[in-house]
């Protein structure tokens, strides 16, 4: 499977449970995580084949997402205040509202 094909396949798998825009955003996050390529790099290299391990990983991720597992737990990462944090099912996923509160408090103090 090629990089471009994989992203389209993943997006289609996710549209059954997510709105199209959300499915596309999640597919983008997964592909960046798996390939290490930015969106622009993936567009340029869309014909580049994925390894068998990468295809297996994408398939496993799709299955977990179809079970309504949050993308942050699946990828084991979440961004908060410019930092990439490790997360799993034992921790709360940082919320954007919390980040706004931290920013607001840092301006006051």
PDB file of N, CA and C in Angstrom:
ATOM      1  N   UNK A   1       0.849  -1.174   0.000  1.00  0.00           N
ATOM      2  CA  UNK A   1       0.000   0.000   0.000  1.00  0.00           C
ATOM      3  C   UNK A   1       0.901   1.246   0.000  1.00  0.00           C
ATOM      4  N   UNK A   2       0.479   2.229  -0.768  1.00  0.00           N
ATOM      5  CA  UNK A   2       1.240   3.472  -0.868  1.00  0.00           C
ATOM      6  C   UNK A   2       0.751   4.466   0.183  1.00  0.00           C
ATOM      7  N   UNK A   3       1.581   5.458   0.468  1.00  0.00           N
ATOM      8  CA  UNK A   3       1.271   6.445   1.497  1.00  0.00           C
ATOM      9  C   UNK A   3      -0.066   7.128   1.238  1.00  0.00           C
ATOM     10  N   UNK A   4      -0.279   7.615   0.023  1.00  0.00           N
ATOM     11  CA  UNK A   4      -1.530   8.290  -0.313  1.00  0.00           C
ATOM     12  C   UNK A   4      -2.738   7.371  -0.199  1.00  0.00           C
ATOM     13  N   UNK A   5      -2.583   6.143  -0.651  1.00  0.00           N
ATOM     14  CA  UNK A   5      -3.676   5.168  -0.572  1.00  0.00           C
ATOM     15  C   UNK A   5      -4.038   4.873   0.881  1.00  0.00           C
ATOM     16  N   UNK A   6      -3.027   4.759   1.720  1.00  0.00           N
ATOM     17  CA  UNK A   6      -3.257   4.442   3.127  1.00  0.00           C
ATOM     18  C   UNK A   6      -4.062   5.535   3.823  1.00  0.00           C
ATOM     19  N   UNK A   7      -3.732   6.778   3.522  1.00  0.00           N
ATOM     20  CA  UNK A   7      -4.457   7.883   4.160  1.00  0.00           C
ATOM     21  C   UNK A   7      -5.914   7.917   3.709  1.00  0.00           C
ATOM     22  N   UNK A   8      -6.153   7.683   2.432  1.00  0.00           N
ATOM     23  CA  UNK A   8      -7.527   7.649   1.915  1.00  0.00           C
ATOM     24  C   UNK A   8      -8.284   6.474   2.532  1.00  0.00           C
ATOM     25  N   UNK A   9      -7.645   5.310   2.608  1.00  0.00           N
ATOM     26  CA  UNK A   9      -8.271   4.129   3.207  1.00  0.00           C
ATOM     27  C   UNK A   9      -8.648   4.404   4.659  1.00  0.00           C
ATOM     28  N   UNK A  10      -7.719   4.968   5.413  1.00  0.00           N
ATOM     29  CA  UNK A  10      -7.975   5.246   6.822  1.00  0.00           C
ATOM     30  C   UNK A  10      -9.121   6.244   6.981  1.00  0.00           C
ATOM     31  N   UNK A  11      -9.128   7.284   6.175  1.00  0.00           N
ATOM     32  CA  UNK A  11     -10.207   8.274   6.235  1.00  0.00           C
ATOM     33  C   UNK A  11     -11.555   7.600   5.983  1.00  0.00           C
ATOM     34  N   UNK A  12     -11.611   6.719   5.017  1.00  0.00           N
ATOM     35  CA  UNK A  12     -12.881   6.014   4.711  1.00  0.00           C
ATOM     36  C   UNK A  12     -13.314   5.123   5.870  1.00  0.00           C
ATOM     37  N   UNK A  13     -12.349   4.476   6.516  1.00  0.00           N
ATOM     38  CA  UNK A  13     -12.674   3.621   7.659  1.00  0.00           C
ATOM     39  C   UNK A  13     -13.280   4.442   8.797  1.00  0.00           C
ATOM     40  N   UNK A  14     -12.808   5.660   8.950  1.00  0.00           N
ATOM     41  CA  UNK A  14     -13.224   6.496  10.077  1.00  0.00           C
ATOM     42  C   UNK A  14     -14.518   7.263   9.827  1.00  0.00           C
ATOM     43  N   UNK A  15     -14.913   7.424   8.571  1.00  0.00           N
ATOM     44  CA  UNK A  15     -16.131   8.195   8.290  1.00  0.00           C
ATOM     45  C   UNK A  15     -17.391   7.491   8.781  1.00  0.00           C
ATOM     46  N   UNK A  16     -17.284   6.221   9.122  1.00  0.00           N
ATOM     47  CA  UNK A  16     -18.436   5.511   9.673  1.00  0.00           C
ATOM     48  C   UNK A  16     -18.767   6.004  11.087  1.00  0.00           C
ATOM     49  N   UNK A  17     -17.771   6.539  11.807  1.00  0.00           N
ATOM     50  CA  UNK A  17     -18.017   6.971  13.187  1.00  0.00           C
ATOM     51  C   UNK A  17     -17.699   8.438  13.440  1.00  0.00           C
ATOM     52  N   UNK A  18     -17.048   9.099  12.496  1.00  0.00           N
ATOM     53  CA  UNK A  18     -16.693  10.510  12.640  1.00  0.00           C
ATOM     54  C   UNK A  18     -17.254  11.306  11.465  1.00  0.00           C
ATOM     55  N   UNK A  19     -17.449  12.591  11.690  1.00  0.00           N
ATOM     56  CA  UNK A  19     -17.792  13.491  10.599  1.00  0.00           C
ATOM     57  C   UNK A  19     -16.620  13.500   9.611  1.00  0.00           C
ATOM     58  N   UNK A  20     -16.852  13.769   8.332  1.00  0.00           N
ATOM     59  CA  UNK A  20     -15.778  13.721   7.336  1.00  0.00           C
ATOM     60  C   UNK A  20     -14.549  14.570   7.671  1.00  0.00           C
ATOM     61  N   UNK A  21     -14.761  15.796   8.155  1.00  0.00           N
ATOM     62  CA  UNK A  21     -13.613  16.645   8.488  1.00  0.00           C
ATOM     63  C   UNK A  21     -12.809  16.072   9.643  1.00  0.00           C
ATOM     64  N   UNK A  22     -13.516  15.566  10.663  1.00  0.00           N
ATOM     65  CA  UNK A  22     -12.833  14.966  11.818  1.00  0.00           C
ATOM     66  C   UNK A  22     -12.091  13.697  11.402  1.00  0.00           C
ATOM     67  N   UNK A  23     -12.702  12.888  10.550  1.00  0.00           N
ATOM     68  CA  UNK A  23     -12.038  11.682  10.051  1.00  0.00           C
ATOM     69  C   UNK A  23     -10.765  12.041   9.292  1.00  0.00           C
ATOM     70  N   UNK A  24     -10.825  13.091   8.486  1.00  0.00           N
ATOM     71  CA  UNK A  24      -9.645  13.535   7.734  1.00  0.00           C
ATOM     72  C   UNK A  24      -8.553  14.021   8.670  1.00  0.00           C
ATOM     73  N   UNK A  25      -8.921  14.789   9.706  1.00  0.00           N
ATOM     74  CA  UNK A  25      -7.931  15.270  10.670  1.00  0.00           C
ATOM     75  C   UNK A  25      -7.269  14.129  11.424  1.00  0.00           C
ATOM     76  N   UNK A  26      -8.061  13.156  11.827  1.00  0.00           N
ATOM     77  CA  UNK A  26      -7.507  12.013  12.550  1.00  0.00           C
ATOM     78  C   UNK A  26      -6.606  11.197  11.635  1.00  0.00           C
ATOM     79  N   UNK A  27      -7.036  10.988  10.398  1.00  0.00           N
ATOM     80  CA  UNK A  27      -6.199  10.251   9.439  1.00  0.00           C
ATOM     81  C   UNK A  27      -4.864  10.960   9.235  1.00  0.00           C
ATOM     82  N   UNK A  28      -4.900  12.285   9.179  1.00  0.00           N
ATOM     83  CA  UNK A  28      -3.668  13.063   9.039  1.00  0.00           C
ATOM     84  C   UNK A  28      -2.753  12.843  10.240  1.00  0.00           C
ATOM     85  N   UNK A  29      -3.323  12.885  11.439  1.00  0.00           N
ATOM     86  CA  UNK A  29      -2.525  12.676  12.657  1.00  0.00           C
ATOM     87  C   UNK A  29      -1.891  11.289  12.661  1.00  0.00           C
ATOM     88  N   UNK A  30      -2.668  10.288  12.291  1.00  0.00           N
ATOM     89  CA  UNK A  30      -2.166   8.913  12.288  1.00  0.00           C
ATOM     90  C   UNK A  30      -1.045   8.757  11.264  1.00  0.00           C
ATOM     91  N   UNK A  31      -1.264   9.277  10.077  1.00  0.00           N
ATOM     92  CA  UNK A  31      -0.245   9.125   9.032  1.00  0.00           C
ATOM     93  C   UNK A  31       1.044   9.854   9.391  1.00  0.00           C
ATOM     94  N   UNK A  32       0.930  11.015  10.000  1.00  0.00           N
ATOM     95  CA  UNK A  32       2.133  11.733  10.433  1.00  0.00           C
ATOM     96  C   UNK A  32       2.853  10.936  11.515  1.00  0.00           C
ATOM     97  N   UNK A  33       2.085  10.351  12.420  1.00  0.00           N
ATOM     98  CA  UNK A  33       2.666   9.541  13.497  1.00  0.00           C
ATOM     99  C   UNK A  33       3.380   8.300  12.938  1.00  0.00           C
ATOM    100  N   UNK A  34       2.747   7.629  12.002  1.00  0.00           N
ATOM    101  CA  UNK A  34       3.293   6.385  11.445  1.00  0.00           C
ATOM    102  C   UNK A  34       4.489   6.632  10.533  1.00  0.00           C
ATOM    103  N   UNK A  35       4.371   7.624   9.661  1.00  0.00           N
ATOM    104  CA  UNK A  35       5.422   7.841   8.657  1.00  0.00           C
ATOM    105  C   UNK A  35       6.497   8.827   9.100  1.00  0.00           C
ATOM    106  N   UNK A  36       6.150   9.711  10.044  1.00  0.00           N
ATOM    107  CA  UNK A  36       7.085  10.757  10.430  1.00  0.00           C
ATOM    108  C   UNK A  36       7.161  11.879   9.405  1.00  0.00           C
ATOM    109  N   UNK A  37       6.244  11.859   8.438  1.00  0.00           N
ATOM    110  CA  UNK A  37       6.238  12.859   7.369  1.00  0.00           C
ATOM    111  C   UNK A  37       5.154  13.898   7.625  1.00  0.00           C
ATOM    112  N   UNK A  38       5.452  15.146   7.293  1.00  0.00           N
ATOM    113  CA  UNK A  38       4.440  16.194   7.384  1.00  0.00           C
ATOM    114  C   UNK A  38       3.410  15.983   6.272  1.00  0.00           C
ATOM    115  N   UNK A  39       2.342  16.730   6.343  1.00  0.00           N
ATOM    116  CA  UNK A  39       1.289  16.629   5.328  1.00  0.00           C
ATOM    117  C   UNK A  39       1.841  16.928   3.931  1.00  0.00           C
ATOM    118  N   UNK A  40       2.636  17.975   3.810  1.00  0.00           N
ATOM    119  CA  UNK A  40       3.223  18.343   2.512  1.00  0.00           C
ATOM    120  C   UNK A  40       4.140  17.225   2.008  1.00  0.00           C
ATOM    121  N   UNK A  41       4.975  16.685   2.899  1.00  0.00           N
ATOM    122  CA  UNK A  41       5.868  15.596   2.496  1.00  0.00           C
ATOM    123  C   UNK A  41       5.084  14.368   2.042  1.00  0.00           C
ATOM    124  N   UNK A  42       3.965  14.093   2.708  1.00  0.00           N
ATOM    125  CA  UNK A  42       3.155  12.939   2.303  1.00  0.00           C
ATOM    126  C   UNK A  42       2.507  13.169   0.947  1.00  0.00           C
ATOM    127  N   UNK A  43       2.127  14.404   0.654  1.00  0.00           N
ATOM    128  CA  UNK A  43       1.547  14.711  -0.661  1.00  0.00           C
ATOM    129  C   UNK A  43       2.596  14.503  -1.744  1.00  0.00           C
ATOM    130  N   UNK A  44       3.791  15.002  -1.488  1.00  0.00           N
ATOM    131  CA  UNK A  44       4.877  14.867  -2.464  1.00  0.00           C
ATOM    132  C   UNK A  44       5.266  13.402  -2.646  1.00  0.00           C
ATOM    133  N   UNK A  45       5.212  12.637  -1.548  1.00  0.00           N
ATOM    134  CA  UNK A  45       5.666  11.242  -1.588  1.00  0.00           C
ATOM    135  C   UNK A  45       4.495  10.257  -1.515  1.00  0.00           C
ATOM    136  N   UNK A  46       3.339  10.650  -2.053  1.00  0.00           N
ATOM    137  CA  UNK A  46       2.137   9.817  -1.940  1.00  0.00           C
ATOM    138  C   UNK A  46       2.260   8.466  -2.637  1.00  0.00           C
ATOM    139  N   UNK A  47       3.168   8.349  -3.579  1.00  0.00           N
ATOM    140  CA  UNK A  47       3.359   7.086  -4.294  1.00  0.00           C
ATOM    141  C   UNK A  47       4.386   6.175  -3.618  1.00  0.00           C
ATOM    142  N   UNK A  48       4.973   6.655  -2.532  1.00  0.00           N
ATOM    143  CA  UNK A  48       5.979   5.872  -1.811  1.00  0.00           C
ATOM    144  C   UNK A  48       5.301   4.730  -1.057  1.00  0.00           C
ATOM    145  N   UNK A  49       5.791   3.515  -1.226  1.00  0.00           N
ATOM    146  CA  UNK A  49       5.149   2.394  -0.534  1.00  0.00           C
ATOM    147  C   UNK A  49       5.455   2.405   0.963  1.00  0.00           C
ATOM    148  N   UNK A  50       4.479   1.961   1.734  1.00  0.00           N
ATOM    149  CA  UNK A  50       4.670   1.783   3.164  1.00  0.00           C
ATOM    150  C   UNK A  50       5.256   0.405   3.417  1.00  0.00           C
ATOM    151  N   UNK A  51       5.914   0.248   4.543  1.00  0.00           N
ATOM    152  CA  UNK A  51       6.419  -1.070   4.911  1.00  0.00           C
ATOM    153  C   UNK A  51       5.246  -1.917   5.413  1.00  0.00           C
ATOM    154  N   UNK A  52       5.450  -3.210   5.452  1.00  0.00           N
ATOM    155  CA  UNK A  52       4.408  -4.107   5.968  1.00  0.00           C
ATOM    156  C   UNK A  52       4.093  -3.774   7.422  1.00  0.00           C
ATOM    157  N   UNK A  53       5.104  -3.415   8.184  1.00  0.00           N
ATOM    158  CA  UNK A  53       4.909  -3.044   9.582  1.00  0.00           C
ATOM    159  C   UNK A  53       4.049  -1.795   9.699  1.00  0.00           C
ATOM    160  N   UNK A  54       4.287  -0.805   8.847  1.00  0.00           N
ATOM    161  CA  UNK A  54       3.487   0.418   8.861  1.00  0.00           C
ATOM    162  C   UNK A  54       2.026   0.126   8.510  1.00  0.00           C
ATOM    163  N   UNK A  55       1.807  -0.721   7.527  1.00  0.00           N
ATOM    164  CA  UNK A  55       0.435  -1.077   7.135  1.00  0.00           C
ATOM    165  C   UNK A  55      -0.266  -1.793   8.289  1.00  0.00           C
ATOM    166  N   UNK A  56       0.418  -2.707   8.939  1.00  0.00           N
ATOM    167  CA  UNK A  56      -0.162  -3.409  10.096  1.00  0.00           C
ATOM    168  C   UNK A  56      -0.500  -2.431  11.209  1.00  0.00           C
ATOM    169  N   UNK A  57       0.392  -1.484  11.435  1.00  0.00           N
ATOM    170  CA  UNK A  57       0.174  -0.490  12.482  1.00  0.00           C
ATOM    171  C   UNK A  57      -1.047   0.377  12.159  1.00  0.00           C
ATOM    172  N   UNK A  58      -1.179   0.814  10.924  1.00  0.00           N
ATOM    173  CA  UNK A  58      -2.334   1.624  10.512  1.00  0.00           C
ATOM    174  C   UNK A  58      -3.628   0.831  10.677  1.00  0.00           C
ATOM    175  N   UNK A  59      -3.603  -0.428  10.305  1.00  0.00           N
ATOM    176  CA  UNK A  59      -4.784  -1.281  10.442  1.00  0.00           C
ATOM    177  C   UNK A  59      -5.176  -1.443  11.904  1.00  0.00           C
ATOM    178  N   UNK A  60      -4.190  -1.666  12.763  1.00  0.00           N
ATOM    179  CA  UNK A  60      -4.458  -1.817  14.195  1.00  0.00           C
ATOM    180  C   UNK A  60      -5.022  -0.517  14.783  1.00  0.00           C
ATOM    181  N   UNK A  61      -4.467   0.600  14.369  1.00  0.00           N
ATOM    182  CA  UNK A  61      -4.960   1.892  14.838  1.00  0.00           C
ATOM    183  C   UNK A  61      -6.399   2.107  14.380  1.00  0.00           C
ATOM    184  N   UNK A  62      -6.700   1.786  13.136  1.00  0.00           N
ATOM    185  CA  UNK A  62      -8.065   1.934  12.616  1.00  0.00           C
ATOM    186  C   UNK A  62      -9.043   1.116  13.441  1.00  0.00           C
ATOM    187  N   UNK A  63      -8.657  -0.091  13.798  1.00  0.00           N
ATOM    188  CA  UNK A  63      -9.541  -0.945  14.601  1.00  0.00           C
ATOM    189  C   UNK A  63      -9.803  -0.343  15.970  1.00  0.00           C
ATOM    190  N   UNK A  64      -8.788   0.201  16.598  1.00  0.00           N
ATOM    191  CA  UNK A  64      -8.959   0.822  17.912  1.00  0.00           C
ATOM    192  C   UNK A  64      -9.834   2.068  17.819  1.00  0.00           C
ATOM    193  N   UNK A  65      -9.621   2.858  16.776  1.00  0.00           N
ATOM    194  CA  UNK A  65     -10.437   4.059  16.603  1.00  0.00           C
ATOM    195  C   UNK A  65     -11.890   3.705  16.326  1.00  0.00           C
ATOM    196  N   UNK A  66     -12.119   2.622  15.607  1.00  0.00           N
ATOM    197  CA  UNK A  66     -13.487   2.185  15.322  1.00  0.00           C
ATOM    198  C   UNK A  66     -14.201   1.701  16.581  1.00  0.00           C
ATOM    199  N   UNK A  67     -13.430   1.412  17.614  1.00  0.00           N
ATOM    200  CA  UNK A  67     -13.994   1.042  18.915  1.00  0.00           C
ATOM    201  C   UNK A  67     -14.203   2.277  19.793  1.00  0.00           C
ATOM    202  N   UNK A  68     -14.072   3.458  19.190  1.00  0.00           N
ATOM    203  CA  UNK A  68     -14.272   4.758  19.841  1.00  0.00           C
ATOM    204  C   UNK A  68     -13.202   5.077  20.885  1.00  0.00           C
ATOM    205  N   UNK A  69     -12.031   4.509  20.739  1.00  0.00           N
ATOM    206  CA  UNK A  69     -10.918   4.845  21.629  1.00  0.00           C
ATOM    207  C   UNK A  69     -10.352   6.196  21.181  1.00  0.00           C
ATOM    208  N   UNK A  70     -10.125   7.106  22.117  1.00  0.00           N
ATOM    209  CA  UNK A  70      -9.616   8.430  21.732  1.00  0.00           C
ATOM    210  C   UNK A  70      -8.261   8.349  21.018  1.00  0.00           C
ATOM    211  N   UNK A  71      -8.095   9.192  20.013  1.00  0.00           N
ATOM    212  CA  UNK A  71      -6.869   9.205  19.218  1.00  0.00           C
ATOM    213  C   UNK A  71      -5.642   9.427  20.104  1.00  0.00           C
ATOM    214  N   UNK A  72      -5.778  10.229  21.148  1.00  0.00           N
ATOM    215  CA  UNK A  72      -4.647  10.498  22.033  1.00  0.00           C
ATOM    216  C   UNK A  72      -4.168   9.220  22.728  1.00  0.00           C
ATOM    217  N   UNK A  73      -5.102   8.368  23.129  1.00  0.00           N
ATOM    218  CA  UNK A  73      -4.713   7.102  23.757  1.00  0.00           C
ATOM    219  C   UNK A  73      -4.110   6.148  22.732  1.00  0.00           C
ATOM    220  N   UNK A  74      -4.672   6.149  21.544  1.00  0.00           N
ATOM    221  CA  UNK A  74      -4.175   5.253  20.500  1.00  0.00           C
ATOM    222  C   UNK A  74      -2.738   5.612  20.122  1.00  0.00           C
ATOM    223  N   UNK A  75      -2.475   6.903  19.954  1.00  0.00           N
ATOM    224  CA  UNK A  75      -1.127   7.347  19.571  1.00  0.00           C
ATOM    225  C   UNK A  75      -0.217   7.531  20.781  1.00  0.00           C
ATOM    226  N   UNK A  76      -0.796   7.492  21.958  1.00  0.00           N
ATOM    227  CA  UNK A  76      -0.087   7.687  23.233  1.00  0.00           C
ATOM    228  C   UNK A  76       0.610   9.041  23.309  1.00  0.00           C
ATOM    229  N   UNK A  77      -0.052  10.059  22.761  1.00  0.00           N
ATOM    230  CA  UNK A  77       0.501  11.398  22.836  1.00  0.00           C
ATOM    231  C   UNK A  77      -0.607  12.434  22.751  1.00  0.00           C
ATOM    232  N   UNK A  78      -0.369  13.545  23.434  1.00  0.00           N
ATOM    233  CA  UNK A  78      -1.279  14.683  23.377  1.00  0.00           C
ATOM    234  C   UNK A  78      -0.442  15.938  23.569  1.00  0.00           C
ATOM    235  N   UNK A  79      -0.827  16.985  22.876  1.00  0.00           N
ATOM    236  CA  UNK A  79      -0.114  18.255  22.982  1.00  0.00           C
ATOM    237  C   UNK A  79      -0.778  19.108  24.045  1.00  0.00           C
ATOM    238  N   UNK A  80       0.050  19.747  24.870  1.00  0.00           N
ATOM    239  CA  UNK A  80      -0.447  20.659  25.890  1.00  0.00           C
ATOM    240  C   UNK A  80       0.607  21.735  26.117  1.00  0.00           C
ATOM    241  N   UNK A  81       0.222  22.987  25.948  1.00  0.00           N
ATOM    242  CA  UNK A  81       1.107  24.137  26.168  1.00  0.00           C
ATOM    243  C   UNK A  81       2.417  23.994  25.392  1.00  0.00           C
ATOM    244  N   UNK A  82       2.307  23.540  24.148  1.00  0.00           N
ATOM    245  CA  UNK A  82       3.494  23.422  23.301  1.00  0.00           C
ATOM    246  C   UNK A  82       4.370  22.214  23.596  1.00  0.00           C
ATOM    247  N   UNK A  83       3.907  21.336  24.456  1.00  0.00           N
ATOM    248  CA  UNK A  83       4.679  20.137  24.807  1.00  0.00           C
ATOM    249  C   UNK A  83       3.918  18.888  24.370  1.00  0.00           C
ATOM    250  N   UNK A  84       4.657  17.937  23.807  1.00  0.00           N
ATOM    251  CA  UNK A  84       4.042  16.649  23.486  1.00  0.00           C
ATOM    252  C   UNK A  84       4.158  15.774  24.731  1.00  0.00           C
ATOM    253  N   UNK A  85       3.004  15.366  25.265  1.00  0.00           N
ATOM    254  CA  UNK A  85       2.963  14.563  26.478  1.00  0.00           C
ATOM    255  C   UNK A  85       2.594  13.124  26.167  1.00  0.00           C
ATOM    256  N   UNK A  86       3.170  12.208  26.922  1.00  0.00           N
ATOM    257  CA  UNK A  86       2.785  10.799  26.842  1.00  0.00           C
ATOM    258  C   UNK A  86       1.479  10.631  27.606  1.00  0.00           C
ATOM    259  N   UNK A  87       0.504   9.990  26.984  1.00  0.00           N
ATOM    260  CA  UNK A  87      -0.757   9.690  27.661  1.00  0.00           C
ATOM    261  C   UNK A  87      -1.139   8.240  27.390  1.00  0.00           C
ATOM    262  N   UNK A  88      -1.898   7.685  28.332  1.00  0.00           N
ATOM    263  CA  UNK A  88      -2.505   6.369  28.143  1.00  0.00           C
ATOM    264  C   UNK A  88      -3.835   6.366  28.876  1.00  0.00           C
ATOM    265  N   UNK A  89      -4.482   5.240  28.933  1.00  0.00           N
ATOM    266  CA  UNK A  89      -5.828   5.186  29.501  1.00  0.00           C
ATOM    267  C   UNK A  89      -5.852   5.463  31.002  1.00  0.00           C
ATOM    268  N   UNK A  90      -4.678   5.537  31.631  1.00  0.00           N
ATOM    269  CA  UNK A  90      -4.602   5.789  33.066  1.00  0.00           C
ATOM    270  C   UNK A  90      -4.505   7.276  33.408  1.00  0.00           C
ATOM    271  N   UNK A  91      -4.445   8.129  32.395  1.00  0.00           N
ATOM    272  CA  UNK A  91      -4.354   9.571  32.639  1.00  0.00           C
ATOM    273  C   UNK A  91      -5.449  10.291  31.858  1.00  0.00           C
ATOM    274  N   UNK A  92      -5.768  11.472  32.306  1.00  0.00           N
ATOM    275  CA  UNK A  92      -6.744  12.283  31.589  1.00  0.00           C
ATOM    276  C   UNK A  92      -6.083  12.939  30.387  1.00  0.00           C
ATOM    277  N   UNK A  93      -6.823  13.053  29.320  1.00  0.00           N
ATOM    278  CA  UNK A  93      -6.332  13.728  28.120  1.00  0.00           C
ATOM    279  C   UNK A  93      -6.398  15.230  28.376  1.00  0.00           C
ATOM    280  N   UNK A  94      -5.288  15.954  28.173  1.00  0.00           N
ATOM    281  CA  UNK A  94      -5.326  17.404  28.377  1.00  0.00           C
ATOM    282  C   UNK A  94      -6.347  18.055  27.441  1.00  0.00           C
ATOM    283  N   UNK A  95      -7.121  18.972  27.986  1.00  0.00           N
ATOM    284  CA  UNK A  95      -8.166  19.640  27.221  1.00  0.00           C
ATOM    285  C   UNK A  95      -7.705  21.030  26.802  1.00  0.00           C
ATOM    286  N   UNK A  96      -8.149  21.503  25.654  1.00  0.00           N
ATOM    287  CA  UNK A  96      -7.798  22.860  25.211  1.00  0.00           C
ATOM    288  C   UNK A  96      -8.229  23.930  26.221  1.00  0.00           C
ATOM    289  N   UNK A  97      -9.365  23.707  26.889  1.00  0.00           N
ATOM    290  CA  UNK A  97      -9.841  24.673  27.871  1.00  0.00           C
ATOM    291  C   UNK A  97      -8.872  24.794  29.042  1.00  0.00           C
ATOM    292  N   UNK A  98      -8.265  23.692  29.430  1.00  0.00           N
ATOM    293  CA  UNK A  98      -7.285  23.708  30.512  1.00  0.00           C
ATOM    294  C   UNK A  98      -6.048  24.481  30.086  1.00  0.00           C
ATOM    295  N   UNK A  99      -5.635  24.297  28.839  1.00  0.00           N
ATOM    296  CA  UNK A  99      -4.490  25.040  28.321  1.00  0.00           C
ATOM    297  C   UNK A  99      -4.782  26.537  28.322  1.00  0.00           C
ATOM    298  N   UNK A 100      -5.995  26.920  27.945  1.00  0.00           N
ATOM    299  CA  UNK A 100      -6.379  28.337  27.979  1.00  0.00           C
ATOM    300  C   UNK A 100      -6.330  28.883  29.404  1.00  0.00           C
ATOM    301  N   UNK A 101      -6.784  28.083  30.356  1.00  0.00           N
ATOM    302  CA  UNK A 101      -6.768  28.506  31.755  1.00  0.00           C
ATOM    303  C   UNK A 101      -5.338  28.704  32.248  1.00  0.00           C
ATOM    304  N   UNK A 102      -4.438  27.793  31.878  1.00  0.00           N
ATOM    305  CA  UNK A 102      -3.033  27.917  32.261  1.00  0.00           C
ATOM    306  C   UNK A 102      -2.442  29.187  31.652  1.00  0.00           C
ATOM    307  N   UNK A 103      -2.717  29.446  30.400  1.00  0.00           N
ATOM    308  CA  UNK A 103      -2.221  30.665  29.755  1.00  0.00           C
ATOM    309  C   UNK A 103      -2.773  31.917  30.436  1.00  0.00           C
ATOM    310  N   UNK A 104      -4.044  31.899  30.771  1.00  0.00           N
ATOM    311  CA  UNK A 104      -4.672  33.036  31.427  1.00  0.00           C
ATOM    312  C   UNK A 104      -4.034  33.271  32.797  1.00  0.00           C
ATOM    313  N   UNK A 105      -3.815  32.204  33.550  1.00  0.00           N
ATOM    314  CA  UNK A 105      -3.221  32.320  34.880  1.00  0.00           C
ATOM    315  C   UNK A 105      -1.767  32.810  34.804  1.00  0.00           C
ATOM    316  N   UNK A 106      -1.047  32.384  33.787  1.00  0.00           N
ATOM    317  CA  UNK A 106       0.355  32.803  33.674  1.00  0.00           C
ATOM    318  C   UNK A 106       0.466  34.299  33.365  1.00  0.00           C
ATOM    319  N   UNK A 107      -0.552  34.876  32.732  1.00  0.00           N
ATOM    320  CA  UNK A 107      -0.550  36.313  32.470  1.00  0.00           C
ATOM    321  C   UNK A 107      -0.869  37.117  33.731  1.00  0.00           C
ATOM    322  N   UNK A 108      -1.661  36.550  34.609  1.00  0.00           N
ATOM    323  CA  UNK A 108      -2.056  37.231  35.827  1.00  0.00           C
ATOM    324  C   UNK A 108      -0.931  37.217  36.856  1.00  0.00           C
ATOM    325  N   UNK A 109      -0.273  36.088  36.969  1.00  0.00           N
ATOM    326  CA  UNK A 109       0.745  35.920  38.029  1.00  0.00           C
ATOM    327  C   UNK A 109       2.089  36.498  37.660  1.00  0.00           C
TER     328      UNK A 109
END
